[in-house]
């Protein structure tokens, strides 16, 4: 992992993952990506207990370049904060 990526918090890793994987999708698409990441964190035997590692794991999420406007970034940061802080929603990834 690159040094700058290691300095990210969990939500700073989840936000661009949600945006990168589901940009252009309806809110359900954004929620689904957040649920996928959260489910992987909850199954550390296969993935990791670390939000950053789950997002950055090789060949899992193809999006790791943050692009777009400030409004999108703020929106996905809000969703990332929700998931990292164990927000409860029905699981949309199954």
PDB file of N, CA and C in Angstrom:
ATOM      1  N   UNK A   1       0.854  -1.177   0.000  1.00  0.00           N
ATOM      2  CA  UNK A   1       0.000   0.000   0.000  1.00  0.00           C
ATOM      3  C   UNK A   1       0.900   1.240   0.000  1.00  0.00           C
ATOM      4  N   UNK A   2       0.543   2.245  -0.784  1.00  0.00           N
ATOM      5  CA  UNK A   2       1.313   3.471  -0.832  1.00  0.00           C
ATOM      6  C   UNK A   2       1.227   4.206   0.500  1.00  0.00           C
ATOM      7  N   UNK A   3       2.304   4.922   0.916  1.00  0.00           N
ATOM      8  CA  UNK A   3       2.292   5.611   2.213  1.00  0.00           C
ATOM      9  C   UNK A   3       1.104   6.540   2.413  1.00  0.00           C
ATOM     10  N   UNK A   4       0.723   7.326   1.419  1.00  0.00           N
ATOM     11  CA  UNK A   4      -0.403   8.249   1.601  1.00  0.00           C
ATOM     12  C   UNK A   4      -1.700   7.487   1.837  1.00  0.00           C
ATOM     13  N   UNK A   5      -1.874   6.344   1.202  1.00  0.00           N
ATOM     14  CA  UNK A   5      -3.075   5.551   1.420  1.00  0.00           C
ATOM     15  C   UNK A   5      -3.117   4.988   2.827  1.00  0.00           C
ATOM     16  N   UNK A   6      -1.956   4.684   3.400  1.00  0.00           N
ATOM     17  CA  UNK A   6      -1.906   4.165   4.767  1.00  0.00           C
ATOM     18  C   UNK A   6      -2.379   5.207   5.770  1.00  0.00           C
ATOM     19  N   UNK A   7      -2.236   6.482   5.445  1.00  0.00           N
ATOM     20  CA  UNK A   7      -2.626   7.552   6.365  1.00  0.00           C
ATOM     21  C   UNK A   7      -4.133   7.824   6.343  1.00  0.00           C
ATOM     22  N   UNK A   8      -4.849   7.257   5.397  1.00  0.00           N
ATOM     23  CA  UNK A   8      -6.286   7.495   5.309  1.00  0.00           C
ATOM     24  C   UNK A   8      -7.029   6.846   6.473  1.00  0.00           C
ATOM     25  N   UNK A   9      -8.112   7.470   6.873  1.00  0.00           N
ATOM     26  CA  UNK A   9      -9.010   6.837   7.839  1.00  0.00           C
ATOM     27  C   UNK A   9      -9.903   5.860   7.072  1.00  0.00           C
ATOM     28  N   UNK A  10     -10.636   5.043   7.810  1.00  0.00           N
ATOM     29  CA  UNK A  10     -11.559   4.116   7.163  1.00  0.00           C
ATOM     30  C   UNK A  10     -12.552   4.821   6.265  1.00  0.00           C
ATOM     31  N   UNK A  11     -13.115   5.909   6.766  1.00  0.00           N
ATOM     32  CA  UNK A  11     -14.132   6.590   5.958  1.00  0.00           C
ATOM     33  C   UNK A  11     -13.515   7.286   4.758  1.00  0.00           C
ATOM     34  N   UNK A  12     -12.250   7.712   4.839  1.00  0.00           N
ATOM     35  CA  UNK A  12     -11.589   8.310   3.683  1.00  0.00           C
ATOM     36  C   UNK A  12     -11.228   7.260   2.640  1.00  0.00           C
ATOM     37  N   UNK A  13     -11.231   6.008   3.008  1.00  0.00           N
ATOM     38  CA  UNK A  13     -11.049   4.931   2.037  1.00  0.00           C
ATOM     39  C   UNK A  13     -12.393   4.487   1.463  1.00  0.00           C
ATOM     40  N   UNK A  14     -13.413   4.445   2.309  1.00  0.00           N
ATOM     41  CA  UNK A  14     -14.735   3.984   1.870  1.00  0.00           C
ATOM     42  C   UNK A  14     -15.382   4.992   0.918  1.00  0.00           C
ATOM     43  N   UNK A  15     -15.256   6.271   1.198  1.00  0.00           N
ATOM     44  CA  UNK A  15     -15.927   7.291   0.380  1.00  0.00           C
ATOM     45  C   UNK A  15     -15.558   7.210  -1.101  1.00  0.00           C
ATOM     46  N   UNK A  16     -14.271   7.232  -1.466  1.00  0.00           N
ATOM     47  CA  UNK A  16     -13.973   7.141  -2.895  1.00  0.00           C
ATOM     48  C   UNK A  16     -14.302   5.775  -3.485  1.00  0.00           C
ATOM     49  N   UNK A  17     -14.322   4.746  -2.647  1.00  0.00           N
ATOM     50  CA  UNK A  17     -14.723   3.431  -3.144  1.00  0.00           C
ATOM     51  C   UNK A  17     -16.197   3.453  -3.531  1.00  0.00           C
ATOM     52  N   UNK A  18     -17.038   4.008  -2.659  1.00  0.00           N
ATOM     53  CA  UNK A  18     -18.468   4.123  -2.973  1.00  0.00           C
ATOM     54  C   UNK A  18     -18.659   4.964  -4.231  1.00  0.00           C
ATOM     55  N   UNK A  19     -18.018   6.109  -4.269  1.00  0.00           N
ATOM     56  CA  UNK A  19     -18.182   7.002  -5.417  1.00  0.00           C
ATOM     57  C   UNK A  19     -17.659   6.353  -6.693  1.00  0.00           C
ATOM     58  N   UNK A  20     -16.469   5.785  -6.614  1.00  0.00           N
ATOM     59  CA  UNK A  20     -15.846   5.212  -7.804  1.00  0.00           C
ATOM     60  C   UNK A  20     -16.595   4.023  -8.371  1.00  0.00           C
ATOM     61  N   UNK A  21     -17.143   3.214  -7.508  1.00  0.00           N
ATOM     62  CA  UNK A  21     -17.846   2.019  -7.965  1.00  0.00           C
ATOM     63  C   UNK A  21     -19.283   2.306  -8.377  1.00  0.00           C
ATOM     64  N   UNK A  22     -19.911   3.334  -7.809  1.00  0.00           N
ATOM     65  CA  UNK A  22     -21.342   3.546  -8.057  1.00  0.00           C
ATOM     66  C   UNK A  22     -21.671   4.928  -8.595  1.00  0.00           C
ATOM     67  N   UNK A  23     -20.687   5.683  -9.036  1.00  0.00           N
ATOM     68  CA  UNK A  23     -20.997   7.006  -9.576  1.00  0.00           C
ATOM     69  C   UNK A  23     -21.957   6.842 -10.752  1.00  0.00           C
ATOM     70  N   UNK A  24     -22.897   7.725 -10.812  1.00  0.00           N
ATOM     71  CA  UNK A  24     -23.898   7.660 -11.865  1.00  0.00           C
ATOM     72  C   UNK A  24     -25.065   6.732 -11.546  1.00  0.00           C
ATOM     73  N   UNK A  25     -24.970   6.011 -10.448  1.00  0.00           N
ATOM     74  CA  UNK A  25     -26.050   5.107 -10.041  1.00  0.00           C
ATOM     75  C   UNK A  25     -27.029   5.837  -9.127  1.00  0.00           C
ATOM     76  N   UNK A  26     -28.181   5.259  -8.930  1.00  0.00           N
ATOM     77  CA  UNK A  26     -29.140   5.793  -7.965  1.00  0.00           C
ATOM     78  C   UNK A  26     -28.610   5.524  -6.559  1.00  0.00           C
ATOM     79  N   UNK A  27     -29.259   6.079  -5.566  1.00  0.00           N
ATOM     80  CA  UNK A  27     -28.811   5.956  -4.179  1.00  0.00           C
ATOM     81  C   UNK A  27     -28.671   4.491  -3.767  1.00  0.00           C
ATOM     82  N   UNK A  28     -29.518   3.622  -4.306  1.00  0.00           N
ATOM     83  CA  UNK A  28     -29.439   2.200  -3.975  1.00  0.00           C
ATOM     84  C   UNK A  28     -28.093   1.602  -4.385  1.00  0.00           C
ATOM     85  N   UNK A  29     -27.537   2.079  -5.473  1.00  0.00           N
ATOM     86  CA  UNK A  29     -26.222   1.607  -5.909  1.00  0.00           C
ATOM     87  C   UNK A  29     -25.126   2.025  -4.947  1.00  0.00           C
ATOM     88  N   UNK A  30     -25.196   3.275  -4.478  1.00  0.00           N
ATOM     89  CA  UNK A  30     -24.221   3.757  -3.493  1.00  0.00           C
ATOM     90  C   UNK A  30     -24.315   2.948  -2.203  1.00  0.00           C
ATOM     91  N   UNK A  31     -25.542   2.728  -1.751  1.00  0.00           N
ATOM     92  CA  UNK A  31     -25.750   1.964  -0.521  1.00  0.00           C
ATOM     93  C   UNK A  31     -25.235   0.539  -0.688  1.00  0.00           C
ATOM     94  N   UNK A  32     -25.462  -0.053  -1.841  1.00  0.00           N
ATOM     95  CA  UNK A  32     -25.012  -1.425  -2.078  1.00  0.00           C
ATOM     96  C   UNK A  32     -23.501  -1.552  -1.969  1.00  0.00           C
ATOM     97  N   UNK A  33     -22.769  -0.615  -2.546  1.00  0.00           N
ATOM     98  CA  UNK A  33     -21.310  -0.668  -2.446  1.00  0.00           C
ATOM     99  C   UNK A  33     -20.878  -0.521  -0.990  1.00  0.00           C
ATOM    100  N   UNK A  34     -21.482   0.406  -0.258  1.00  0.00           N
ATOM    101  CA  UNK A  34     -21.167   0.541   1.169  1.00  0.00           C
ATOM    102  C   UNK A  34     -21.439  -0.743   1.928  1.00  0.00           C
ATOM    103  N   UNK A  35     -22.530  -1.416   1.597  1.00  0.00           N
ATOM    104  CA  UNK A  35     -22.858  -2.687   2.258  1.00  0.00           C
ATOM    105  C   UNK A  35     -21.839  -3.769   1.924  1.00  0.00           C
ATOM    106  N   UNK A  36     -21.370  -3.807   0.687  1.00  0.00           N
ATOM    107  CA  UNK A  36     -20.348  -4.788   0.309  1.00  0.00           C
ATOM    108  C   UNK A  36     -19.098  -4.587   1.154  1.00  0.00           C
ATOM    109  N   UNK A  37     -18.633  -3.342   1.261  1.00  0.00           N
ATOM    110  CA  UNK A  37     -17.433  -3.057   2.056  1.00  0.00           C
ATOM    111  C   UNK A  37     -17.677  -3.436   3.515  1.00  0.00           C
ATOM    112  N   UNK A  38     -18.806  -3.015   4.064  1.00  0.00           N
ATOM    113  CA  UNK A  38     -19.122  -3.320   5.463  1.00  0.00           C
ATOM    114  C   UNK A  38     -19.180  -4.827   5.702  1.00  0.00           C
ATOM    115  N   UNK A  39     -19.802  -5.578   4.797  1.00  0.00           N
ATOM    116  CA  UNK A  39     -19.890  -7.027   4.957  1.00  0.00           C
ATOM    117  C   UNK A  39     -18.510  -7.673   4.950  1.00  0.00           C
ATOM    118  N   UNK A  40     -17.612  -7.155   4.143  1.00  0.00           N
ATOM    119  CA  UNK A  40     -16.258  -7.707   4.108  1.00  0.00           C
ATOM    120  C   UNK A  40     -15.515  -7.422   5.406  1.00  0.00           C
ATOM    121  N   UNK A  41     -15.699  -6.222   5.959  1.00  0.00           N
ATOM    122  CA  UNK A  41     -15.072  -5.889   7.246  1.00  0.00           C
ATOM    123  C   UNK A  41     -15.602  -6.815   8.338  1.00  0.00           C
ATOM    124  N   UNK A  42     -16.847  -7.175   8.246  1.00  0.00           N
ATOM    125  CA  UNK A  42     -17.465  -8.051   9.251  1.00  0.00           C
ATOM    126  C   UNK A  42     -17.059  -9.520   9.103  1.00  0.00           C
ATOM    127  N   UNK A  43     -16.350  -9.860   8.031  1.00  0.00           N
ATOM    128  CA  UNK A  43     -15.863 -11.227   7.808  1.00  0.00           C
ATOM    129  C   UNK A  43     -14.346 -11.197   7.607  1.00  0.00           C
ATOM    130  N   UNK A  44     -13.604 -10.864   8.671  1.00  0.00           N
ATOM    131  CA  UNK A  44     -12.166 -10.640   8.540  1.00  0.00           C
ATOM    132  C   UNK A  44     -11.356 -11.884   8.189  1.00  0.00           C
ATOM    133  N   UNK A  45     -11.883 -13.070   8.398  1.00  0.00           N
ATOM    134  CA  UNK A  45     -11.119 -14.271   8.036  1.00  0.00           C
ATOM    135  C   UNK A  45     -10.797 -14.267   6.545  1.00  0.00           C
ATOM    136  N   UNK A  46     -11.735 -13.825   5.757  1.00  0.00           N
ATOM    137  CA  UNK A  46     -11.524 -13.801   4.311  1.00  0.00           C
ATOM    138  C   UNK A  46     -10.971 -12.465   3.827  1.00  0.00           C
ATOM    139  N   UNK A  47     -11.370 -11.378   4.453  1.00  0.00           N
ATOM    140  CA  UNK A  47     -11.020 -10.047   3.974  1.00  0.00           C
ATOM    141  C   UNK A  47     -10.087  -9.359   4.964  1.00  0.00           C
ATOM    142  N   UNK A  48     -10.596  -8.505   5.784  1.00  0.00           N
ATOM    143  CA  UNK A  48      -9.814  -7.795   6.797  1.00  0.00           C
ATOM    144  C   UNK A  48     -10.789  -7.085   7.724  1.00  0.00           C
ATOM    145  N   UNK A  49     -10.341  -6.765   8.911  1.00  0.00           N
ATOM    146  CA  UNK A  49     -11.154  -5.987   9.835  1.00  0.00           C
ATOM    147  C   UNK A  49     -10.923  -4.483   9.605  1.00  0.00           C
ATOM    148  N   UNK A  50      -9.997  -4.158   8.755  1.00  0.00           N
ATOM    149  CA  UNK A  50      -9.603  -2.780   8.488  1.00  0.00           C
ATOM    150  C   UNK A  50     -10.305  -2.263   7.224  1.00  0.00           C
ATOM    151  N   UNK A  51     -11.053  -1.181   7.379  1.00  0.00           N
ATOM    152  CA  UNK A  51     -11.815  -0.611   6.260  1.00  0.00           C
ATOM    153  C   UNK A  51     -10.910  -0.263   5.085  1.00  0.00           C
ATOM    154  N   UNK A  52      -9.743   0.307   5.381  1.00  0.00           N
ATOM    155  CA  UNK A  52      -8.828   0.692   4.304  1.00  0.00           C
ATOM    156  C   UNK A  52      -8.354  -0.526   3.526  1.00  0.00           C
ATOM    157  N   UNK A  53      -7.959  -1.555   4.246  1.00  0.00           N
ATOM    158  CA  UNK A  53      -7.459  -2.756   3.568  1.00  0.00           C
ATOM    159  C   UNK A  53      -8.524  -3.403   2.695  1.00  0.00           C
ATOM    160  N   UNK A  54      -9.748  -3.417   3.179  1.00  0.00           N
ATOM    161  CA  UNK A  54     -10.834  -3.979   2.368  1.00  0.00           C
ATOM    162  C   UNK A  54     -10.986  -3.176   1.077  1.00  0.00           C
ATOM    163  N   UNK A  55     -10.990  -1.860   1.183  1.00  0.00           N
ATOM    164  CA  UNK A  55     -11.158  -1.015  -0.007  1.00  0.00           C
ATOM    165  C   UNK A  55      -9.986  -1.132  -0.973  1.00  0.00           C
ATOM    166  N   UNK A  56      -8.793  -1.265  -0.446  1.00  0.00           N
ATOM    167  CA  UNK A  56      -7.590  -1.262  -1.282  1.00  0.00           C
ATOM    168  C   UNK A  56      -7.150  -2.649  -1.710  1.00  0.00           C
ATOM    169  N   UNK A  57      -7.857  -3.678  -1.269  1.00  0.00           N
ATOM    170  CA  UNK A  57      -7.429  -5.029  -1.599  1.00  0.00           C
ATOM    171  C   UNK A  57      -7.385  -5.216  -3.109  1.00  0.00           C
ATOM    172  N   UNK A  58      -6.313  -5.815  -3.549  1.00  0.00           N
ATOM    173  CA  UNK A  58      -6.056  -5.971  -4.975  1.00  0.00           C
ATOM    174  C   UNK A  58      -7.200  -6.706  -5.689  1.00  0.00           C
ATOM    175  N   UNK A  59      -7.567  -6.183  -6.828  1.00  0.00           N
ATOM    176  CA  UNK A  59      -8.565  -6.745  -7.737  1.00  0.00           C
ATOM    177  C   UNK A  59      -9.995  -6.741  -7.189  1.00  0.00           C
ATOM    178  N   UNK A  60     -10.271  -5.977  -6.146  1.00  0.00           N
ATOM    179  CA  UNK A  60     -11.619  -5.968  -5.575  1.00  0.00           C
ATOM    180  C   UNK A  60     -12.442  -4.769  -6.037  1.00  0.00           C
ATOM    181  N   UNK A  61     -11.870  -3.581  -5.986  1.00  0.00           N
ATOM    182  CA  UNK A  61     -12.580  -2.369  -6.403  1.00  0.00           C
ATOM    183  C   UNK A  61     -11.705  -1.648  -7.426  1.00  0.00           C
ATOM    184  N   UNK A  62     -12.284  -1.364  -8.573  1.00  0.00           N
ATOM    185  CA  UNK A  62     -11.502  -0.854  -9.703  1.00  0.00           C
ATOM    186  C   UNK A  62     -11.368   0.661  -9.740  1.00  0.00           C
ATOM    187  N   UNK A  63     -11.751   1.321  -8.700  1.00  0.00           N
ATOM    188  CA  UNK A  63     -12.010   2.758  -8.785  1.00  0.00           C
ATOM    189  C   UNK A  63     -10.968   3.680  -8.166  1.00  0.00           C
ATOM    190  N   UNK A  64      -9.855   3.264  -7.706  1.00  0.00           N
ATOM    191  CA  UNK A  64      -9.096   4.060  -6.772  1.00  0.00           C
ATOM    192  C   UNK A  64      -8.446   5.344  -7.276  1.00  0.00           C
ATOM    193  N   UNK A  65      -9.164   6.122  -8.063  1.00  0.00           N
ATOM    194  CA  UNK A  65      -8.775   7.502  -8.379  1.00  0.00           C
ATOM    195  C   UNK A  65      -9.962   8.392  -8.064  1.00  0.00           C
ATOM    196  N   UNK A  66      -9.819   9.284  -7.091  1.00  0.00           N
ATOM    197  CA  UNK A  66     -10.920  10.167  -6.716  1.00  0.00           C
ATOM    198  C   UNK A  66     -11.037  11.282  -7.751  1.00  0.00           C
ATOM    199  N   UNK A  67     -12.189  11.378  -8.373  1.00  0.00           N
ATOM    200  CA  UNK A  67     -12.452  12.402  -9.374  1.00  0.00           C
ATOM    201  C   UNK A  67     -13.807  13.017  -9.074  1.00  0.00           C
ATOM    202  N   UNK A  68     -14.113  14.109  -9.722  1.00  0.00           N
ATOM    203  CA  UNK A  68     -15.441  14.693  -9.559  1.00  0.00           C
ATOM    204  C   UNK A  68     -15.426  15.923  -8.688  1.00  0.00           C
ATOM    205  N   UNK A  69     -16.588  16.434  -8.447  1.00  0.00           N
ATOM    206  CA  UNK A  69     -16.721  17.692  -7.732  1.00  0.00           C
ATOM    207  C   UNK A  69     -16.802  17.551  -6.226  1.00  0.00           C
ATOM    208  N   UNK A  70     -16.673  18.674  -5.569  1.00  0.00           N
ATOM    209  CA  UNK A  70     -16.711  18.751  -4.108  1.00  0.00           C
ATOM    210  C   UNK A  70     -18.041  18.256  -3.540  1.00  0.00           C
ATOM    211  N   UNK A  71     -19.131  18.526  -4.220  1.00  0.00           N
ATOM    212  CA  UNK A  71     -20.442  18.081  -3.721  1.00  0.00           C
ATOM    213  C   UNK A  71     -20.524  16.556  -3.672  1.00  0.00           C
ATOM    214  N   UNK A  72     -20.029  15.885  -4.706  1.00  0.00           N
ATOM    215  CA  UNK A  72     -20.004  14.421  -4.696  1.00  0.00           C
ATOM    216  C   UNK A  72     -19.134  13.905  -3.565  1.00  0.00           C
ATOM    217  N   UNK A  73     -17.981  14.513  -3.388  1.00  0.00           N
ATOM    218  CA  UNK A  73     -17.067  14.077  -2.334  1.00  0.00           C
ATOM    219  C   UNK A  73     -17.732  14.202  -0.961  1.00  0.00           C
ATOM    220  N   UNK A  74     -18.386  15.328  -0.705  1.00  0.00           N
ATOM    221  CA  UNK A  74     -19.071  15.508   0.592  1.00  0.00           C
ATOM    222  C   UNK A  74     -20.173  14.472   0.782  1.00  0.00           C
ATOM    223  N   UNK A  75     -20.911  14.184  -0.275  1.00  0.00           N
ATOM    224  CA  UNK A  75     -22.004  13.206  -0.174  1.00  0.00           C
ATOM    225  C   UNK A  75     -21.477  11.817   0.149  1.00  0.00           C
ATOM    226  N   UNK A  76     -20.442  11.378  -0.551  1.00  0.00           N
ATOM    227  CA  UNK A  76     -19.941  10.027  -0.278  1.00  0.00           C
ATOM    228  C   UNK A  76     -19.213   9.962   1.054  1.00  0.00           C
ATOM    229  N   UNK A  77     -18.605  11.066   1.491  1.00  0.00           N
ATOM    230  CA  UNK A  77     -17.992  11.081   2.825  1.00  0.00           C
ATOM    231  C   UNK A  77     -19.065  10.902   3.894  1.00  0.00           C
ATOM    232  N   UNK A  78     -20.213  11.477   3.679  1.00  0.00           N
ATOM    233  CA  UNK A  78     -21.312  11.318   4.622  1.00  0.00           C
ATOM    234  C   UNK A  78     -21.754   9.856   4.696  1.00  0.00           C
ATOM    235  N   UNK A  79     -21.922   9.206   3.550  1.00  0.00           N
ATOM    236  CA  UNK A  79     -22.291   7.784   3.548  1.00  0.00           C
ATOM    237  C   UNK A  79     -21.189   6.929   4.156  1.00  0.00           C
ATOM    238  N   UNK A  80     -19.944   7.231   3.838  1.00  0.00           N
ATOM    239  CA  UNK A  80     -18.834   6.456   4.399  1.00  0.00           C
ATOM    240  C   UNK A  80     -18.823   6.561   5.916  1.00  0.00           C
ATOM    241  N   UNK A  81     -19.035   7.761   6.439  1.00  0.00           N
ATOM    242  CA  UNK A  81     -19.090   7.958   7.894  1.00  0.00           C
ATOM    243  C   UNK A  81     -20.203   7.103   8.493  1.00  0.00           C
ATOM    244  N   UNK A  82     -21.330   7.051   7.811  1.00  0.00           N
ATOM    245  CA  UNK A  82     -22.472   6.260   8.263  1.00  0.00           C
ATOM    246  C   UNK A  82     -22.096   4.777   8.371  1.00  0.00           C
ATOM    247  N   UNK A  83     -21.479   4.217   7.332  1.00  0.00           N
ATOM    248  CA  UNK A  83     -21.139   2.794   7.347  1.00  0.00           C
ATOM    249  C   UNK A  83     -20.028   2.477   8.334  1.00  0.00           C
ATOM    250  N   UNK A  84     -18.984   3.300   8.371  1.00  0.00           N
ATOM    251  CA  UNK A  84     -17.861   3.047   9.278  1.00  0.00           C
ATOM    252  C   UNK A  84     -18.310   3.142  10.729  1.00  0.00           C
ATOM    253  N   UNK A  85     -19.260   4.010  11.018  1.00  0.00           N
ATOM    254  CA  UNK A  85     -19.779   4.146  12.382  1.00  0.00           C
ATOM    255  C   UNK A  85     -20.922   3.173  12.652  1.00  0.00           C
ATOM    256  N   UNK A  86     -20.976   2.085  11.889  1.00  0.00           N
ATOM    257  CA  UNK A  86     -21.933   0.995  12.070  1.00  0.00           C
ATOM    258  C   UNK A  86     -23.377   1.443  11.926  1.00  0.00           C
ATOM    259  N   UNK A  87     -23.629   2.208  10.883  1.00  0.00           N
ATOM    260  CA  UNK A  87     -25.007   2.590  10.598  1.00  0.00           C
ATOM    261  C   UNK A  87     -25.850   1.364  10.280  1.00  0.00           C
ATOM    262  N   UNK A  88     -27.085   1.411  10.615  1.00  0.00           N
ATOM    263  CA  UNK A  88     -27.944   0.263  10.364  1.00  0.00           C
ATOM    264  C   UNK A  88     -28.915   0.559   9.236  1.00  0.00           C
ATOM    265  N   UNK A  89     -28.859  -0.258   8.244  1.00  0.00           N
ATOM    266  CA  UNK A  89     -29.766  -0.236   7.103  1.00  0.00           C
ATOM    267  C   UNK A  89     -29.987  -1.689   6.706  1.00  0.00           C
ATOM    268  N   UNK A  90     -31.054  -1.988   6.015  1.00  0.00           N
ATOM    269  CA  UNK A  90     -31.178  -3.339   5.468  1.00  0.00           C
ATOM    270  C   UNK A  90     -29.993  -3.603   4.542  1.00  0.00           C
ATOM    271  N   UNK A  91     -29.531  -4.825   4.495  1.00  0.00           N
ATOM    272  CA  UNK A  91     -28.373  -5.173   3.682  1.00  0.00           C
ATOM    273  C   UNK A  91     -28.757  -5.186   2.208  1.00  0.00           C
ATOM    274  N   UNK A  92     -28.299  -4.197   1.469  1.00  0.00           N
ATOM    275  CA  UNK A  92     -28.652  -4.072   0.055  1.00  0.00           C
ATOM    276  C   UNK A  92     -27.699  -4.831  -0.857  1.00  0.00           C
ATOM    277  N   UNK A  93     -26.666  -5.480  -0.303  1.00  0.00           N
ATOM    278  CA  UNK A  93     -25.682  -6.144  -1.159  1.00  0.00           C
ATOM    279  C   UNK A  93     -25.994  -7.611  -1.384  1.00  0.00           C
ATOM    280  N   UNK A  94     -27.087  -8.106  -0.821  1.00  0.00           N
ATOM    281  CA  UNK A  94     -27.442  -9.521  -1.039  1.00  0.00           C
ATOM    282  C   UNK A  94     -28.697  -9.643  -1.854  1.00  0.00           C
TER     283      UNK A  94
END
